[in-house]
Amino acid sequence: MALPVQIENPFKKPQKGCILCNITVDYKNIQLLSQFISPHTGRIYGRHITGLCGRKQRAVTKAIKKAQSMGFMSVTHKHPQLMKDPNICSIRQLN
């Protein structure tokens, strides 16, 4: 009696990773962290906007809070020099 041959599922979709899964998030990287805050209010975007996994969203949030408490980032608005950076998040901004 022959044993069945194990093959991969051809219909299985490849596992999606978020854009920061291979990048370490650091509170000193202000240019990266500023992509995840609103330019006008300074609020941190949620997961439904950023598209990050839960672990990286928490890491980004902690890093932003730490950078704001240490004075690297503004709490109320985005730094004007970083306004022209390309958007990582899927949100339209008013120009």
PDB file of N, CA and C in Angstrom:
ATOM      1  N   MET A   1       0.836  -1.176   0.000  1.00  0.00           N
ATOM      2  CA  MET A   1       0.000   0.000   0.000  1.00  0.00           C
ATOM      3  C   MET A   1       0.889   1.250   0.000  1.00  0.00           C
ATOM      4  N   ALA A   2       0.663   2.125  -0.960  1.00  0.00           N
ATOM      5  CA  ALA A   2       1.484   3.328  -1.101  1.00  0.00           C
ATOM      6  C   ALA A   2       0.936   4.448  -0.211  1.00  0.00           C
ATOM      7  N   LEU A   3       1.856   5.162   0.390  1.00  0.00           N
ATOM      8  CA  LEU A   3       1.461   6.297   1.230  1.00  0.00           C
ATOM      9  C   LEU A   3       1.144   7.511   0.359  1.00  0.00           C
ATOM     10  N   PRO A   4       0.191   8.361   0.782  1.00  0.00           N
ATOM     11  CA  PRO A   4      -0.116   9.555  -0.017  1.00  0.00           C
ATOM     12  C   PRO A   4       1.057  10.548   0.004  1.00  0.00           C
ATOM     13  N   VAL A   5       1.228  11.192  -1.117  1.00  0.00           N
ATOM     14  CA  VAL A   5       2.319  12.152  -1.253  1.00  0.00           C
ATOM     15  C   VAL A   5       1.864  13.503  -0.697  1.00  0.00           C
ATOM     16  N   GLN A   6       2.685  14.101   0.140  1.00  0.00           N
ATOM     17  CA  GLN A   6       2.367  15.416   0.718  1.00  0.00           C
ATOM     18  C   GLN A   6       2.754  16.513  -0.268  1.00  0.00           C
ATOM     19  N   ILE A   7       1.786  17.310  -0.672  1.00  0.00           N
ATOM     20  CA  ILE A   7       2.073  18.448  -1.543  1.00  0.00           C
ATOM     21  C   ILE A   7       1.530  19.709  -0.882  1.00  0.00           C
ATOM     22  N   GLU A   8       2.070  20.852  -1.298  1.00  0.00           N
ATOM     23  CA  GLU A   8       1.604  22.132  -0.761  1.00  0.00           C
ATOM     24  C   GLU A   8       0.249  22.472  -1.338  1.00  0.00           C
ATOM     25  N   ASN A   9      -0.526  23.191  -0.592  1.00  0.00           N
ATOM     26  CA  ASN A   9      -1.833  23.639  -1.051  1.00  0.00           C
ATOM     27  C   ASN A   9      -1.629  24.715  -2.119  1.00  0.00           C
ATOM     28  N   PRO A  10      -2.052  24.482  -3.351  1.00  0.00           N
ATOM     29  CA  PRO A  10      -1.821  25.480  -4.406  1.00  0.00           C
ATOM     30  C   PRO A  10      -2.714  26.709  -4.259  1.00  0.00           C
ATOM     31  N   PHE A  11      -3.762  26.630  -3.446  1.00  0.00           N
ATOM     32  CA  PHE A  11      -4.682  27.750  -3.284  1.00  0.00           C
ATOM     33  C   PHE A  11      -4.351  28.613  -2.072  1.00  0.00           C
ATOM     34  N   LYS A  12      -3.362  28.206  -1.303  1.00  0.00           N
ATOM     35  CA  LYS A  12      -3.002  28.961  -0.108  1.00  0.00           C
ATOM     36  C   LYS A  12      -2.314  30.260  -0.522  1.00  0.00           C
ATOM     37  N   LYS A  13      -2.812  31.380   0.032  1.00  0.00           N
ATOM     38  CA  LYS A  13      -2.227  32.677  -0.292  1.00  0.00           C
ATOM     39  C   LYS A  13      -0.961  32.881   0.526  1.00  0.00           C
ATOM     40  N   PRO A  14       0.032  33.547  -0.049  1.00  0.00           N
ATOM     41  CA  PRO A  14       1.249  33.799   0.725  1.00  0.00           C
ATOM     42  C   PRO A  14       0.949  34.726   1.896  1.00  0.00           C
ATOM     43  N   GLN A  15       1.674  34.522   2.980  1.00  0.00           N
ATOM     44  CA  GLN A  15       1.449  35.298   4.182  1.00  0.00           C
ATOM     45  C   GLN A  15       1.882  36.742   3.969  1.00  0.00           C
ATOM     46  N   LYS A  16       0.974  37.648   4.290  1.00  0.00           N
ATOM     47  CA  LYS A  16       1.290  39.062   4.129  1.00  0.00           C
ATOM     48  C   LYS A  16       1.951  39.574   5.397  1.00  0.00           C
ATOM     49  N   GLY A  17       2.967  40.397   5.223  1.00  0.00           N
ATOM     50  CA  GLY A  17       3.597  41.040   6.356  1.00  0.00           C
ATOM     51  C   GLY A  17       3.414  42.536   6.226  1.00  0.00           C
ATOM     52  N   CYS A  18       3.463  43.221   7.333  1.00  0.00           N
ATOM     53  CA  CYS A  18       3.328  44.670   7.256  1.00  0.00           C
ATOM     54  C   CYS A  18       4.640  45.274   6.744  1.00  0.00           C
ATOM     55  N   ILE A  19       4.609  46.565   6.444  1.00  0.00           N
ATOM     56  CA  ILE A  19       5.776  47.204   5.825  1.00  0.00           C
ATOM     57  C   ILE A  19       6.938  47.367   6.786  1.00  0.00           C
ATOM     58  N   LEU A  20       6.691  47.230   8.085  1.00  0.00           N
ATOM     59  CA  LEU A  20       7.764  47.400   9.069  1.00  0.00           C
ATOM     60  C   LEU A  20       8.216  46.088   9.698  1.00  0.00           C
ATOM     61  N   CYS A  21       7.743  44.959   9.193  1.00  0.00           N
ATOM     62  CA  CYS A  21       8.090  43.681   9.831  1.00  0.00           C
ATOM     63  C   CYS A  21       9.599  43.407   9.825  1.00  0.00           C
ATOM     64  N   ASN A  22      10.317  43.887   8.833  1.00  0.00           N
ATOM     65  CA  ASN A  22      11.759  43.633   8.751  1.00  0.00           C
ATOM     66  C   ASN A  22      12.590  44.815   9.237  1.00  0.00           C
ATOM     67  N   ILE A  23      11.949  45.831   9.793  1.00  0.00           N
ATOM     68  CA  ILE A  23      12.641  47.050  10.219  1.00  0.00           C
ATOM     69  C   ILE A  23      12.482  47.199  11.724  1.00  0.00           C
ATOM     70  N   THR A  24      13.566  47.557  12.410  1.00  0.00           N
ATOM     71  CA  THR A  24      13.466  47.836  13.840  1.00  0.00           C
ATOM     72  C   THR A  24      13.015  49.280  14.020  1.00  0.00           C
ATOM     73  N   VAL A  25      12.036  49.458  14.870  1.00  0.00           N
ATOM     74  CA  VAL A  25      11.475  50.783  15.130  1.00  0.00           C
ATOM     75  C   VAL A  25      12.255  51.402  16.281  1.00  0.00           C
ATOM     76  N   ASP A  26      12.792  52.600  16.062  1.00  0.00           N
ATOM     77  CA  ASP A  26      13.577  53.292  17.071  1.00  0.00           C
ATOM     78  C   ASP A  26      12.988  54.674  17.299  1.00  0.00           C
ATOM     79  N   TYR A  27      12.990  55.125  18.538  1.00  0.00           N
ATOM     80  CA  TYR A  27      12.403  56.423  18.857  1.00  0.00           C
ATOM     81  C   TYR A  27      13.215  57.587  18.301  1.00  0.00           C
ATOM     82  N   LYS A  28      14.452  57.333  17.880  1.00  0.00           N
ATOM     83  CA  LYS A  28      15.285  58.401  17.326  1.00  0.00           C
ATOM     84  C   LYS A  28      15.093  58.598  15.827  1.00  0.00           C
ATOM     85  N   ASN A  29      14.391  57.690  15.180  1.00  0.00           N
ATOM     86  CA  ASN A  29      14.131  57.787  13.745  1.00  0.00           C
ATOM     87  C   ASN A  29      12.853  58.603  13.526  1.00  0.00           C
ATOM     88  N   ILE A  30      12.983  59.912  13.620  1.00  0.00           N
ATOM     89  CA  ILE A  30      11.838  60.811  13.568  1.00  0.00           C
ATOM     90  C   ILE A  30      11.203  60.810  12.186  1.00  0.00           C
ATOM     91  N   GLN A  31      11.983  60.680  11.155  1.00  0.00           N
ATOM     92  CA  GLN A  31      11.446  60.705   9.795  1.00  0.00           C
ATOM     93  C   GLN A  31      10.495  59.532   9.552  1.00  0.00           C
ATOM     94  N   LEU A  32      10.836  58.363  10.056  1.00  0.00           N
ATOM     95  CA  LEU A  32       9.957  57.203   9.926  1.00  0.00           C
ATOM     96  C   LEU A  32       8.712  57.365  10.795  1.00  0.00           C
ATOM     97  N   LEU A  33       8.902  57.768  12.034  1.00  0.00           N
ATOM     98  CA  LEU A  33       7.777  57.867  12.958  1.00  0.00           C
ATOM     99  C   LEU A  33       6.789  58.949  12.554  1.00  0.00           C
ATOM    100  N   SER A  34       7.266  59.994  11.901  1.00  0.00           N
ATOM    101  CA  SER A  34       6.364  61.082  11.515  1.00  0.00           C
ATOM    102  C   SER A  34       5.391  60.653  10.425  1.00  0.00           C
ATOM    103  N   GLN A  35       5.655  59.539   9.751  1.00  0.00           N
ATOM    104  CA  GLN A  35       4.733  59.041   8.733  1.00  0.00           C
ATOM    105  C   GLN A  35       3.449  58.495   9.347  1.00  0.00           C
ATOM    106  N   PHE A  36       3.471  58.219  10.642  1.00  0.00           N
ATOM    107  CA  PHE A  36       2.338  57.585  11.296  1.00  0.00           C
ATOM    108  C   PHE A  36       1.566  58.541  12.193  1.00  0.00           C
ATOM    109  N   ILE A  37       1.797  59.856  12.055  1.00  0.00           N
ATOM    110  CA  ILE A  37       1.020  60.830  12.806  1.00  0.00           C
ATOM    111  C   ILE A  37       0.356  61.808  11.849  1.00  0.00           C
ATOM    112  N   SER A  38      -0.743  62.391  12.290  1.00  0.00           N
ATOM    113  CA  SER A  38      -1.467  63.368  11.491  1.00  0.00           C
ATOM    114  C   SER A  38      -0.665  64.664  11.437  1.00  0.00           C
ATOM    115  N   PRO A  39      -0.519  65.281  10.254  1.00  0.00           N
ATOM    116  CA  PRO A  39       0.286  66.497  10.156  1.00  0.00           C
ATOM    117  C   PRO A  39      -0.353  67.710  10.817  1.00  0.00           C
ATOM    118  N   HIS A  40      -1.664  67.689  10.981  1.00  0.00           N
ATOM    119  CA  HIS A  40      -2.348  68.874  11.498  1.00  0.00           C
ATOM    120  C   HIS A  40      -2.665  68.775  12.981  1.00  0.00           C
ATOM    121  N   THR A  41      -2.955  67.576  13.472  1.00  0.00           N
ATOM    122  CA  THR A  41      -3.328  67.432  14.882  1.00  0.00           C
ATOM    123  C   THR A  41      -2.263  66.729  15.710  1.00  0.00           C
ATOM    124  N   GLY A  42      -1.371  65.981  15.066  1.00  0.00           N
ATOM    125  CA  GLY A  42      -0.341  65.255  15.802  1.00  0.00           C
ATOM    126  C   GLY A  42      -0.818  63.921  16.356  1.00  0.00           C
ATOM    127  N   ARG A  43      -2.037  63.516  16.039  1.00  0.00           N
ATOM    128  CA  ARG A  43      -2.559  62.249  16.542  1.00  0.00           C
ATOM    129  C   ARG A  43      -1.943  61.074  15.784  1.00  0.00           C
ATOM    130  N   ILE A  44      -1.795  59.955  16.475  1.00  0.00           N
ATOM    131  CA  ILE A  44      -1.225  58.750  15.878  1.00  0.00           C
ATOM    132  C   ILE A  44      -2.323  58.032  15.108  1.00  0.00           C
ATOM    133  N   TYR A  45      -2.030  57.654  13.860  1.00  0.00           N
ATOM    134  CA  TYR A  45      -2.994  56.926  13.042  1.00  0.00           C
ATOM    135  C   TYR A  45      -3.191  55.525  13.592  1.00  0.00           C
ATOM    136  N   GLY A  46      -4.375  54.972  13.409  1.00  0.00           N
ATOM    137  CA  GLY A  46      -4.699  53.627  13.863  1.00  0.00           C
ATOM    138  C   GLY A  46      -4.264  52.572  12.864  1.00  0.00           C
ATOM    139  N   ARG A  47      -4.455  51.321  13.258  1.00  0.00           N
ATOM    140  CA  ARG A  47      -4.049  50.195  12.404  1.00  0.00           C
ATOM    141  C   ARG A  47      -4.814  50.131  11.107  1.00  0.00           C
ATOM    142  N   HIS A  48      -6.071  50.546  11.111  1.00  0.00           N
ATOM    143  CA  HIS A  48      -6.869  50.479   9.887  1.00  0.00           C
ATOM    144  C   HIS A  48      -6.367  51.456   8.837  1.00  0.00           C
ATOM    145  N   ILE A  49      -5.628  52.462   9.255  1.00  0.00           N
ATOM    146  CA  ILE A  49      -5.051  53.424   8.310  1.00  0.00           C
ATOM    147  C   ILE A  49      -3.620  53.046   7.959  1.00  0.00           C
ATOM    148  N   THR A  50      -2.825  52.676   8.959  1.00  0.00           N
ATOM    149  CA  THR A  50      -1.408  52.402   8.714  1.00  0.00           C
ATOM    150  C   THR A  50      -1.175  51.062   8.038  1.00  0.00           C
ATOM    151  N   GLY A  51      -2.025  50.080   8.302  1.00  0.00           N
ATOM    152  CA  GLY A  51      -1.846  48.757   7.717  1.00  0.00           C
ATOM    153  C   GLY A  51      -0.767  47.937   8.391  1.00  0.00           C
ATOM    154  N   LEU A  52      -0.362  48.322   9.598  1.00  0.00           N
ATOM    155  CA  LEU A  52       0.671  47.590  10.322  1.00  0.00           C
ATOM    156  C   LEU A  52       0.059  46.426  11.082  1.00  0.00           C
ATOM    157  N   CYS A  53       0.907  45.456  11.409  1.00  0.00           N
ATOM    158  CA  CYS A  53       0.458  44.374  12.272  1.00  0.00           C
ATOM    159  C   CYS A  53       0.382  44.915  13.706  1.00  0.00           C
ATOM    160  N   GLY A  54      -0.257  44.180  14.581  1.00  0.00           N
ATOM    161  CA  GLY A  54      -0.465  44.649  15.946  1.00  0.00           C
ATOM    162  C   GLY A  54       0.830  44.912  16.697  1.00  0.00           C
ATOM    163  N   ARG A  55       1.793  44.036  16.528  1.00  0.00           N
ATOM    164  CA  ARG A  55       3.068  44.173  17.236  1.00  0.00           C
ATOM    165  C   ARG A  55       3.812  45.438  16.802  1.00  0.00           C
ATOM    166  N   LYS A  56       3.860  45.688  15.497  1.00  0.00           N
ATOM    167  CA  LYS A  56       4.569  46.875  15.008  1.00  0.00           C
ATOM    168  C   LYS A  56       3.792  48.162  15.299  1.00  0.00           C
ATOM    169  N   GLN A  57       2.444  48.085  15.310  1.00  0.00           N
ATOM    170  CA  GLN A  57       1.658  49.270  15.650  1.00  0.00           C
ATOM    171  C   GLN A  57       1.930  49.681  17.094  1.00  0.00           C
ATOM    172  N   ARG A  58       2.003  48.714  17.999  1.00  0.00           N
ATOM    173  CA  ARG A  58       2.326  49.027  19.397  1.00  0.00           C
ATOM    174  C   ARG A  58       3.735  49.574  19.525  1.00  0.00           C
ATOM    175  N   ALA A  59       4.681  49.000  18.754  1.00  0.00           N
ATOM    176  CA  ALA A  59       6.065  49.482  18.810  1.00  0.00           C
ATOM    177  C   ALA A  59       6.157  50.914  18.285  1.00  0.00           C
ATOM    178  N   VAL A  60       5.442  51.217  17.205  1.00  0.00           N
ATOM    179  CA  VAL A  60       5.448  52.567  16.647  1.00  0.00           C
ATOM    180  C   VAL A  60       4.823  53.546  17.640  1.00  0.00           C
ATOM    181  N   THR A  61       3.715  53.157  18.254  1.00  0.00           N
ATOM    182  CA  THR A  61       3.049  54.023  19.217  1.00  0.00           C
ATOM    183  C   THR A  61       3.954  54.309  20.408  1.00  0.00           C
ATOM    184  N   LYS A  62       4.606  53.268  20.933  1.00  0.00           N
ATOM    185  CA  LYS A  62       5.519  53.470  22.066  1.00  0.00           C
ATOM    186  C   LYS A  62       6.694  54.357  21.682  1.00  0.00           C
ATOM    187  N   ALA A  63       7.227  54.152  20.468  1.00  0.00           N
ATOM    188  CA  ALA A  63       8.367  54.948  20.019  1.00  0.00           C
ATOM    189  C   ALA A  63       7.964  56.415  19.823  1.00  0.00           C
ATOM    190  N   ILE A  64       6.770  56.656  19.288  1.00  0.00           N
ATOM    191  CA  ILE A  64       6.305  58.035  19.104  1.00  0.00           C
ATOM    192  C   ILE A  64       6.121  58.710  20.455  1.00  0.00           C
ATOM    193  N   LYS A  65       5.495  58.010  21.402  1.00  0.00           N
ATOM    194  CA  LYS A  65       5.290  58.575  22.742  1.00  0.00           C
ATOM    195  C   LYS A  65       6.626  58.878  23.421  1.00  0.00           C
ATOM    196  N   LYS A  66       7.596  57.976  23.249  1.00  0.00           N
ATOM    197  CA  LYS A  66       8.912  58.182  23.859  1.00  0.00           C
ATOM    198  C   LYS A  66       9.625  59.365  23.208  1.00  0.00           C
ATOM    199  N   ALA A  67       9.547  59.463  21.871  1.00  0.00           N
ATOM    200  CA  ALA A  67      10.185  60.575  21.161  1.00  0.00           C
ATOM    201  C   ALA A  67       9.540  61.902  21.543  1.00  0.00           C
ATOM    202  N   GLN A  68       8.219  61.901  21.737  1.00  0.00           N
ATOM    203  CA  GLN A  68       7.538  63.126  22.135  1.00  0.00           C
ATOM    204  C   GLN A  68       7.900  63.524  23.557  1.00  0.00           C
ATOM    205  N   SER A  69       8.012  62.546  24.441  1.00  0.00           N
ATOM    206  CA  SER A  69       8.351  62.879  25.826  1.00  0.00           C
ATOM    207  C   SER A  69       9.794  63.342  25.965  1.00  0.00           C
ATOM    208  N   MET A  70      10.677  62.879  25.085  1.00  0.00           N
ATOM    209  CA  MET A  70      12.080  63.312  25.132  1.00  0.00           C
ATOM    210  C   MET A  70      12.323  64.585  24.339  1.00  0.00           C
ATOM    211  N   GLY A  71      11.327  65.049  23.605  1.00  0.00           N
ATOM    212  CA  GLY A  71      11.464  66.300  22.875  1.00  0.00           C
ATOM    213  C   GLY A  71      11.976  66.168  21.458  1.00  0.00           C
ATOM    214  N   PHE A  72      12.066  64.947  20.930  1.00  0.00           N
ATOM    215  CA  PHE A  72      12.501  64.764  19.545  1.00  0.00           C
ATOM    216  C   PHE A  72      11.395  65.119  18.552  1.00  0.00           C
ATOM    217  N   MET A  73      10.127  64.900  18.963  1.00  0.00           N
ATOM    218  CA  MET A  73       8.986  65.163  18.093  1.00  0.00           C
ATOM    219  C   MET A  73       8.030  66.123  18.777  1.00  0.00           C
ATOM    220  N   SER A  74       7.322  66.896  17.958  1.00  0.00           N
ATOM    221  CA  SER A  74       6.291  67.773  18.475  1.00  0.00           C
ATOM    222  C   SER A  74       5.056  66.951  18.808  1.00  0.00           C
ATOM    223  N   VAL A  75       4.338  67.364  19.848  1.00  0.00           N
ATOM    224  CA  VAL A  75       3.150  66.638  20.269  1.00  0.00           C
ATOM    225  C   VAL A  75       1.926  67.114  19.489  1.00  0.00           C
ATOM    226  N   THR A  76       1.896  68.376  19.118  1.00  0.00           N
ATOM    227  CA  THR A  76       0.682  68.948  18.540  1.00  0.00           C
ATOM    228  C   THR A  76       0.622  68.924  17.021  1.00  0.00           C
ATOM    229  N   HIS A  77       1.745  68.877  16.327  1.00  0.00           N
ATOM    230  CA  HIS A  77       1.726  68.882  14.868  1.00  0.00           C
ATOM    231  C   HIS A  77       2.997  68.236  14.319  1.00  0.00           C
ATOM    232  N   LYS A  78       2.988  67.995  13.026  1.00  0.00           N
ATOM    233  CA  LYS A  78       4.131  67.388  12.342  1.00  0.00           C
ATOM    234  C   LYS A  78       5.156  68.470  12.011  1.00  0.00           C
ATOM    235  N   HIS A  79       6.418  68.130  12.047  1.00  0.00           N
ATOM    236  CA  HIS A  79       7.482  69.084  11.730  1.00  0.00           C
ATOM    237  C   HIS A  79       7.372  69.510  10.268  1.00  0.00           C
ATOM    238  N   PRO A  80       7.464  70.823   9.973  1.00  0.00           N
ATOM    239  CA  PRO A  80       7.277  71.302   8.594  1.00  0.00           C
ATOM    240  C   PRO A  80       8.243  70.700   7.574  1.00  0.00           C
ATOM    241  N   GLN A  81       9.475  70.372   7.969  1.00  0.00           N
ATOM    242  CA  GLN A  81      10.434  69.779   7.032  1.00  0.00           C
ATOM    243  C   GLN A  81      10.010  68.376   6.607  1.00  0.00           C
ATOM    244  N   LEU A  82       9.239  67.689   7.441  1.00  0.00           N
ATOM    245  CA  LEU A  82       8.840  66.315   7.152  1.00  0.00           C
ATOM    246  C   LEU A  82       7.500  66.241   6.436  1.00  0.00           C
ATOM    247  N   MET A  83       6.869  67.383   6.155  1.00  0.00           N
ATOM    248  CA  MET A  83       5.562  67.391   5.489  1.00  0.00           C
ATOM    249  C   MET A  83       5.659  66.923   4.042  1.00  0.00           C
ATOM    250  N   LYS A  84       6.809  67.102   3.395  1.00  0.00           N
ATOM    251  CA  LYS A  84       6.958  66.761   1.977  1.00  0.00           C
ATOM    252  C   LYS A  84       7.409  65.320   1.756  1.00  0.00           C
ATOM    253  N   ASP A  85       7.621  64.570   2.824  1.00  0.00           N
ATOM    254  CA  ASP A  85       8.025  63.168   2.694  1.00  0.00           C
ATOM    255  C   ASP A  85       6.903  62.357   2.053  1.00  0.00           C
ATOM    256  N   PRO A  86       7.236  61.303   1.300  1.00  0.00           N
ATOM    257  CA  PRO A  86       6.187  60.462   0.705  1.00  0.00           C
ATOM    258  C   PRO A  86       5.401  59.741   1.801  1.00  0.00           C
ATOM    259  N   ASN A  87       4.126  59.483   1.533  1.00  0.00           N
ATOM    260  CA  ASN A  87       3.254  58.852   2.513  1.00  0.00           C
ATOM    261  C   ASN A  87       3.428  57.349   2.499  1.00  0.00           C
ATOM    262  N   ILE A  88       3.538  56.772   3.680  1.00  0.00           N
ATOM    263  CA  ILE A  88       3.549  55.325   3.829  1.00  0.00           C
ATOM    264  C   ILE A  88       2.124  54.834   4.042  1.00  0.00           C
ATOM    265  N   CYS A  89       1.353  55.588   4.805  1.00  0.00           N
ATOM    266  CA  CYS A  89      -0.025  55.220   5.143  1.00  0.00           C
ATOM    267  C   CYS A  89      -0.945  55.528   3.963  1.00  0.00           C
ATOM    268  N   SER A  90      -2.086  54.866   3.972  1.00  0.00           N
ATOM    269  CA  SER A  90      -3.052  55.057   2.882  1.00  0.00           C
ATOM    270  C   SER A  90      -4.075  56.126   3.270  1.00  0.00           C
ATOM    271  N   ILE A  91      -3.600  57.345   3.465  1.00  0.00           N
ATOM    272  CA  ILE A  91      -4.500  58.438   3.811  1.00  0.00           C
ATOM    273  C   ILE A  91      -4.151  59.655   2.970  1.00  0.00           C
ATOM    274  N   ARG A  92      -5.178  60.348   2.533  1.00  0.00           N
ATOM    275  CA  ARG A  92      -4.949  61.567   1.752  1.00  0.00           C
ATOM    276  C   ARG A  92      -4.779  62.722   2.710  1.00  0.00           C
ATOM    277  N   GLN A  93      -3.844  63.601   2.401  1.00  0.00           N
ATOM    278  CA  GLN A  93      -3.612  64.777   3.223  1.00  0.00           C
ATOM    279  C   GLN A  93      -3.903  66.028   2.415  1.00  0.00           C
ATOM    280  N   LEU A  94      -4.436  67.023   3.071  1.00  0.00           N
ATOM    281  CA  LEU A  94      -4.703  68.286   2.412  1.00  0.00           C
ATOM    282  C   LEU A  94      -3.420  69.050   2.199  1.00  0.00           C
ATOM    283  N   ASN A  95      -3.239  69.619   1.034  1.00  0.00           N
ATOM    284  CA  ASN A  95      -2.029  70.395   0.758  1.00  0.00           C
ATOM    285  C   ASN A  95      -2.351  71.857   0.669  1.00  0.00           C
TER     286      ASN A  95
END
